[in-house]
Amino acid sequence: MARSTKTQKALNLNAAHGLLSRGISVAEAATILAQERGLSRRQAYRYLEHARAITYVVPVGEPSVPATFKIPRDVLAQLRAYSRRSGLPLSVIVTEAIEKRLITTTRRRGRHG
């Protein structure tokens, strides 16, 4: 069986939270969650246990898609070194850098255009 994505996990957790917030018993919620979300009852109980510990709905992130692009070898070496030092995956570092650049570019255009 394939592992759940972060998006699927967030959706499952939010579904569990929603069932509990409506006052549905844990046993009944586990049955509903297992049927509606395609989970085992055991996994449904895990989501419900986690949902009981939080007081908010978990934000659902946009799923990531693969992208291929070329960058200079020395930039890649610096990127990998930074990844090792920071403990962050390459995809997180690159995504944050691109988002920062896009926001900066958008702000500049908004001021001058």
N, C-alpha and C. Protein backbone atom coordinates (compact mmCIF):
# COMPACT_ATOMS: atom_id res chain seq x y z
N MET A 1 0.84 -1.19 0.00
CA MET A 1 0.00 0.00 0.00
C MET A 1 0.88 1.24 0.00
N ALA A 2 0.52 2.22 -0.80
CA ALA A 2 1.29 3.46 -0.92
C ALA A 2 1.14 4.32 0.33
N ARG A 3 2.19 5.05 0.65
CA ARG A 3 2.15 5.96 1.80
C ARG A 3 1.31 7.18 1.47
N SER A 4 0.70 7.73 2.48
CA SER A 4 -0.10 8.94 2.30
C SER A 4 0.81 10.14 2.10
N THR A 5 0.35 11.07 1.29
CA THR A 5 1.08 12.32 1.11
C THR A 5 0.76 13.24 2.28
N LYS A 6 1.51 14.31 2.41
CA LYS A 6 1.24 15.29 3.47
C LYS A 6 -0.17 15.88 3.31
N THR A 7 -0.57 16.09 2.06
CA THR A 7 -1.90 16.62 1.81
C THR A 7 -2.96 15.64 2.27
N GLN A 8 -2.79 14.37 1.94
CA GLN A 8 -3.76 13.36 2.36
C GLN A 8 -3.82 13.25 3.88
N LYS A 9 -2.67 13.31 4.53
CA LYS A 9 -2.63 13.24 5.99
C LYS A 9 -3.37 14.41 6.60
N ALA A 10 -3.15 15.61 6.07
CA ALA A 10 -3.84 16.80 6.59
C ALA A 10 -5.35 16.67 6.39
N LEU A 11 -5.76 16.18 5.22
CA LEU A 11 -7.20 16.01 4.95
C LEU A 11 -7.81 14.96 5.89
N ASN A 12 -7.10 13.86 6.12
CA ASN A 12 -7.58 12.83 7.04
C ASN A 12 -7.70 13.37 8.46
N LEU A 13 -6.70 14.12 8.89
CA LEU A 13 -6.71 14.69 10.23
C LEU A 13 -7.86 15.70 10.38
N ASN A 14 -8.07 16.51 9.37
CA ASN A 14 -9.17 17.48 9.41
C ASN A 14 -10.52 16.78 9.41
N ALA A 15 -10.63 15.67 8.68
CA ALA A 15 -11.88 14.90 8.69
C ALA A 15 -12.13 14.33 10.08
N ALA A 16 -11.09 13.82 10.71
CA ALA A 16 -11.21 13.29 12.07
C ALA A 16 -11.61 14.39 13.04
N HIS A 17 -10.97 15.54 12.91
CA HIS A 17 -11.28 16.69 13.77
C HIS A 17 -12.74 17.11 13.60
N GLY A 18 -13.20 17.13 12.35
CA GLY A 18 -14.57 17.52 12.06
C GLY A 18 -15.58 16.57 12.69
N LEU A 19 -15.32 15.27 12.61
CA LEU A 19 -16.23 14.29 13.21
C LEU A 19 -16.30 14.47 14.72
N LEU A 20 -15.15 14.64 15.35
CA LEU A 20 -15.13 14.81 16.81
C LEU A 20 -15.79 16.13 17.23
N SER A 21 -15.59 17.18 16.45
CA SER A 21 -16.17 18.48 16.81
C SER A 21 -17.70 18.47 16.68
N ARG A 22 -18.24 17.53 15.91
CA ARG A 22 -19.70 17.40 15.81
C ARG A 22 -20.28 16.54 16.92
N GLY A 23 -19.42 16.06 17.82
CA GLY A 23 -19.90 15.29 18.96
C GLY A 23 -20.09 13.81 18.68
N ILE A 24 -19.56 13.33 17.59
CA ILE A 24 -19.66 11.91 17.25
C ILE A 24 -18.69 11.14 18.14
N SER A 25 -19.12 9.99 18.64
CA SER A 25 -18.26 9.18 19.50
C SER A 25 -17.03 8.72 18.74
N VAL A 26 -15.97 8.43 19.47
CA VAL A 26 -14.72 8.01 18.85
C VAL A 26 -14.92 6.72 18.06
N ALA A 27 -15.65 5.77 18.61
CA ALA A 27 -15.88 4.49 17.92
C ALA A 27 -16.64 4.70 16.62
N GLU A 28 -17.69 5.51 16.67
CA GLU A 28 -18.46 5.77 15.46
C GLU A 28 -17.64 6.58 14.46
N ALA A 29 -16.88 7.54 14.96
CA ALA A 29 -16.03 8.36 14.10
C ALA A 29 -14.99 7.50 13.40
N ALA A 30 -14.43 6.52 14.10
CA ALA A 30 -13.43 5.63 13.50
C ALA A 30 -14.05 4.84 12.34
N THR A 31 -15.27 4.37 12.53
CA THR A 31 -15.95 3.62 11.48
C THR A 31 -16.20 4.51 10.27
N ILE A 32 -16.71 5.71 10.51
CA ILE A 32 -17.01 6.65 9.42
C ILE A 32 -15.72 7.04 8.69
N LEU A 33 -14.70 7.37 9.46
CA LEU A 33 -13.42 7.80 8.88
C LEU A 33 -12.82 6.68 8.03
N ALA A 34 -12.86 5.46 8.54
CA ALA A 34 -12.31 4.32 7.80
C ALA A 34 -13.05 4.12 6.48
N GLN A 35 -14.36 4.22 6.52
CA GLN A 35 -15.17 4.02 5.31
C GLN A 35 -15.00 5.16 4.31
N GLU A 36 -15.12 6.38 4.78
CA GLU A 36 -15.09 7.53 3.88
C GLU A 36 -13.71 7.86 3.34
N ARG A 37 -12.68 7.62 4.14
CA ARG A 37 -11.33 8.01 3.72
C ARG A 37 -10.50 6.81 3.26
N GLY A 38 -11.07 5.60 3.28
CA GLY A 38 -10.35 4.42 2.82
C GLY A 38 -9.20 4.02 3.73
N LEU A 39 -9.40 4.16 5.03
CA LEU A 39 -8.38 3.84 6.01
C LEU A 39 -8.73 2.55 6.74
N SER A 40 -7.74 1.94 7.36
CA SER A 40 -8.03 0.84 8.27
C SER A 40 -8.61 1.47 9.55
N ARG A 41 -9.33 0.67 10.32
CA ARG A 41 -9.88 1.21 11.58
C ARG A 41 -8.74 1.63 12.51
N ARG A 42 -7.68 0.86 12.51
CA ARG A 42 -6.54 1.19 13.37
C ARG A 42 -5.97 2.56 13.00
N GLN A 43 -5.79 2.81 11.68
CA GLN A 43 -5.28 4.11 11.24
C GLN A 43 -6.28 5.21 11.54
N ALA A 44 -7.56 4.92 11.39
CA ALA A 44 -8.59 5.91 11.71
C ALA A 44 -8.50 6.31 13.18
N TYR A 45 -8.29 5.33 14.06
CA TYR A 45 -8.14 5.64 15.49
C TYR A 45 -6.92 6.51 15.74
N ARG A 46 -5.84 6.28 14.99
CA ARG A 46 -4.63 7.11 15.16
C ARG A 46 -4.93 8.56 14.78
N TYR A 47 -5.63 8.74 13.67
CA TYR A 47 -5.99 10.11 13.27
C TYR A 47 -6.90 10.75 14.31
N LEU A 48 -7.83 9.99 14.85
CA LEU A 48 -8.74 10.53 15.86
C LEU A 48 -7.99 10.89 17.13
N GLU A 49 -7.03 10.07 17.50
CA GLU A 49 -6.22 10.36 18.69
C GLU A 49 -5.45 11.67 18.50
N HIS A 50 -4.88 11.83 17.32
CA HIS A 50 -4.16 13.07 17.02
C HIS A 50 -5.12 14.26 16.98
N ALA A 51 -6.29 14.06 16.38
CA ALA A 51 -7.28 15.14 16.27
C ALA A 51 -7.77 15.59 17.65
N ARG A 52 -7.85 14.68 18.59
CA ARG A 52 -8.29 15.05 19.95
C ARG A 52 -7.26 15.94 20.64
N ALA A 53 -6.00 15.83 20.23
CA ALA A 53 -4.93 16.58 20.87
C ALA A 53 -4.78 18.00 20.30
N ILE A 54 -5.43 18.28 19.17
CA ILE A 54 -5.31 19.61 18.58
C ILE A 54 -6.65 20.35 18.69
N THR A 55 -6.57 21.65 18.66
CA THR A 55 -7.79 22.46 18.79
C THR A 55 -8.07 23.27 17.54
N TYR A 56 -7.43 22.91 16.45
CA TYR A 56 -7.55 23.69 15.22
C TYR A 56 -7.56 22.76 14.01
N VAL A 57 -7.99 23.29 12.90
CA VAL A 57 -7.94 22.56 11.64
C VAL A 57 -6.55 22.76 11.04
N VAL A 58 -5.96 21.69 10.56
CA VAL A 58 -4.61 21.73 10.00
C VAL A 58 -4.68 22.30 8.59
N PRO A 59 -3.81 23.26 8.26
CA PRO A 59 -3.82 23.79 6.89
C PRO A 59 -3.39 22.72 5.90
N VAL A 60 -4.06 22.68 4.78
CA VAL A 60 -3.76 21.70 3.74
C VAL A 60 -2.89 22.37 2.69
N GLY A 61 -1.69 21.88 2.55
CA GLY A 61 -0.77 22.46 1.58
C GLY A 61 -1.07 21.96 0.18
N GLU A 62 -0.58 22.72 -0.76
CA GLU A 62 -0.74 22.34 -2.15
C GLU A 62 0.23 21.20 -2.45
N PRO A 63 -0.21 20.16 -3.16
CA PRO A 63 0.70 19.06 -3.47
C PRO A 63 1.86 19.53 -4.34
N SER A 64 3.02 18.96 -4.09
CA SER A 64 4.20 19.29 -4.88
C SER A 64 4.21 18.48 -6.17
N VAL A 65 4.79 19.07 -7.19
CA VAL A 65 4.94 18.38 -8.47
C VAL A 65 6.42 18.42 -8.85
N PRO A 66 6.90 17.41 -9.54
CA PRO A 66 8.31 17.41 -9.92
C PRO A 66 8.59 18.46 -10.99
N ALA A 67 9.78 19.05 -10.91
CA ALA A 67 10.22 20.03 -11.91
C ALA A 67 11.70 19.77 -12.18
N THR A 68 12.08 19.91 -13.41
CA THR A 68 13.48 19.70 -13.79
C THR A 68 14.03 21.00 -14.38
N PHE A 69 15.17 21.43 -13.87
CA PHE A 69 15.81 22.62 -14.40
C PHE A 69 17.31 22.49 -14.16
N LYS A 70 18.08 23.27 -14.88
CA LYS A 70 19.53 23.22 -14.79
C LYS A 70 20.03 24.45 -14.05
N ILE A 71 21.01 24.20 -13.16
CA ILE A 71 21.67 25.29 -12.45
C ILE A 71 23.17 25.03 -12.50
N PRO A 72 23.97 26.06 -12.34
CA PRO A 72 25.43 25.85 -12.38
C PRO A 72 25.89 24.89 -11.28
N ARG A 73 26.92 24.13 -11.60
CA ARG A 73 27.45 23.11 -10.68
C ARG A 73 27.84 23.71 -9.33
N ASP A 74 28.49 24.89 -9.33
CA ASP A 74 28.92 25.49 -8.06
C ASP A 74 27.73 25.94 -7.21
N VAL A 75 26.65 26.37 -7.86
CA VAL A 75 25.43 26.75 -7.12
C VAL A 75 24.82 25.51 -6.49
N LEU A 76 24.81 24.41 -7.22
CA LEU A 76 24.28 23.16 -6.68
C LEU A 76 25.11 22.69 -5.48
N ALA A 77 26.42 22.82 -5.57
CA ALA A 77 27.29 22.44 -4.45
C ALA A 77 26.97 23.28 -3.22
N GLN A 78 26.79 24.58 -3.42
CA GLN A 78 26.44 25.47 -2.30
C GLN A 78 25.08 25.10 -1.73
N LEU A 79 24.15 24.78 -2.62
CA LEU A 79 22.81 24.40 -2.19
C LEU A 79 22.84 23.13 -1.35
N ARG A 80 23.59 22.14 -1.81
CA ARG A 80 23.69 20.89 -1.05
C ARG A 80 24.38 21.09 0.29
N ALA A 81 25.41 21.93 0.32
CA ALA A 81 26.10 22.22 1.57
C ALA A 81 25.16 22.91 2.55
N TYR A 82 24.40 23.86 2.05
CA TYR A 82 23.43 24.56 2.90
C TYR A 82 22.37 23.59 3.42
N SER A 83 21.94 22.68 2.56
CA SER A 83 20.95 21.68 2.96
C SER A 83 21.48 20.81 4.10
N ARG A 84 22.72 20.39 3.99
CA ARG A 84 23.32 19.57 5.06
C ARG A 84 23.41 20.35 6.37
N ARG A 85 23.87 21.62 6.27
CA ARG A 85 24.02 22.44 7.48
C ARG A 85 22.68 22.73 8.15
N SER A 86 21.69 23.05 7.34
CA SER A 86 20.40 23.49 7.88
C SER A 86 19.48 22.32 8.22
N GLY A 87 19.73 21.17 7.59
CA GLY A 87 18.84 20.03 7.80
C GLY A 87 17.57 20.12 6.97
N LEU A 88 17.48 21.10 6.09
CA LEU A 88 16.31 21.27 5.23
C LEU A 88 16.51 20.53 3.91
N PRO A 89 15.45 19.93 3.39
CA PRO A 89 15.55 19.29 2.07
C PRO A 89 15.78 20.33 0.98
N LEU A 90 16.42 19.90 -0.10
CA LEU A 90 16.67 20.80 -1.23
C LEU A 90 15.38 21.44 -1.73
N SER A 91 14.32 20.65 -1.81
CA SER A 91 13.06 21.18 -2.35
C SER A 91 12.51 22.32 -1.50
N VAL A 92 12.68 22.25 -0.20
CA VAL A 92 12.19 23.33 0.68
C VAL A 92 13.01 24.60 0.45
N ILE A 93 14.32 24.45 0.37
CA ILE A 93 15.19 25.61 0.17
C ILE A 93 14.89 26.28 -1.16
N VAL A 94 14.79 25.49 -2.21
CA VAL A 94 14.54 26.04 -3.55
C VAL A 94 13.16 26.69 -3.61
N THR A 95 12.16 26.03 -3.05
CA THR A 95 10.80 26.59 -3.05
C THR A 95 10.76 27.94 -2.33
N GLU A 96 11.38 28.00 -1.15
CA GLU A 96 11.40 29.26 -0.39
C GLU A 96 12.13 30.36 -1.16
N ALA A 97 13.24 30.02 -1.80
CA ALA A 97 14.00 31.02 -2.56
C ALA A 97 13.19 31.54 -3.75
N ILE A 98 12.53 30.63 -4.44
CA ILE A 98 11.72 31.05 -5.59
C ILE A 98 10.54 31.90 -5.14
N GLU A 99 9.87 31.47 -4.07
CA GLU A 99 8.73 32.26 -3.57
C GLU A 99 9.18 33.65 -3.15
N LYS A 100 10.32 33.74 -2.47
CA LYS A 100 10.85 35.04 -2.04
C LYS A 100 11.13 35.92 -3.25
N ARG A 101 11.72 35.34 -4.27
CA ARG A 101 12.05 36.10 -5.49
C ARG A 101 10.77 36.57 -6.19
N LEU A 102 9.77 35.68 -6.26
CA LEU A 102 8.51 36.05 -6.91
C LEU A 102 7.79 37.17 -6.16
N ILE A 103 7.81 37.10 -4.84
CA ILE A 103 7.17 38.14 -4.03
C ILE A 103 7.88 39.46 -4.22
N THR A 104 9.22 39.44 -4.20
CA THR A 104 10.00 40.66 -4.38
C THR A 104 9.73 41.27 -5.76
N THR A 105 9.71 40.43 -6.79
CA THR A 105 9.46 40.90 -8.15
C THR A 105 8.06 41.48 -8.27
N THR A 106 7.09 40.82 -7.67
CA THR A 106 5.70 41.28 -7.73
C THR A 106 5.56 42.63 -7.02
N ARG A 107 6.22 42.80 -5.88
CA ARG A 107 6.14 44.08 -5.14
C ARG A 107 6.77 45.21 -5.95
N ARG A 108 7.90 44.93 -6.59
CA ARG A 108 8.56 45.96 -7.39
C ARG A 108 7.68 46.41 -8.54
N ARG A 109 7.07 45.46 -9.20
CA ARG A 109 6.19 45.81 -10.31
C ARG A 109 4.98 46.60 -9.85
N GLY A 110 4.48 46.25 -8.66
CA GLY A 110 3.32 46.96 -8.13
C GLY A 110 3.62 48.41 -7.84
N ARG A 111 4.85 48.72 -7.41
CA ARG A 111 5.23 50.09 -7.09
C ARG A 111 5.47 50.93 -8.34
N HIS A 112 6.03 50.31 -9.35
CA HIS A 112 6.45 51.07 -10.53
C HIS A 112 5.56 50.87 -11.74
N GLY A 113 4.51 50.10 -11.61
CA GLY A 113 3.77 49.82 -12.81
C GLY A 113 2.37 50.16 -12.70
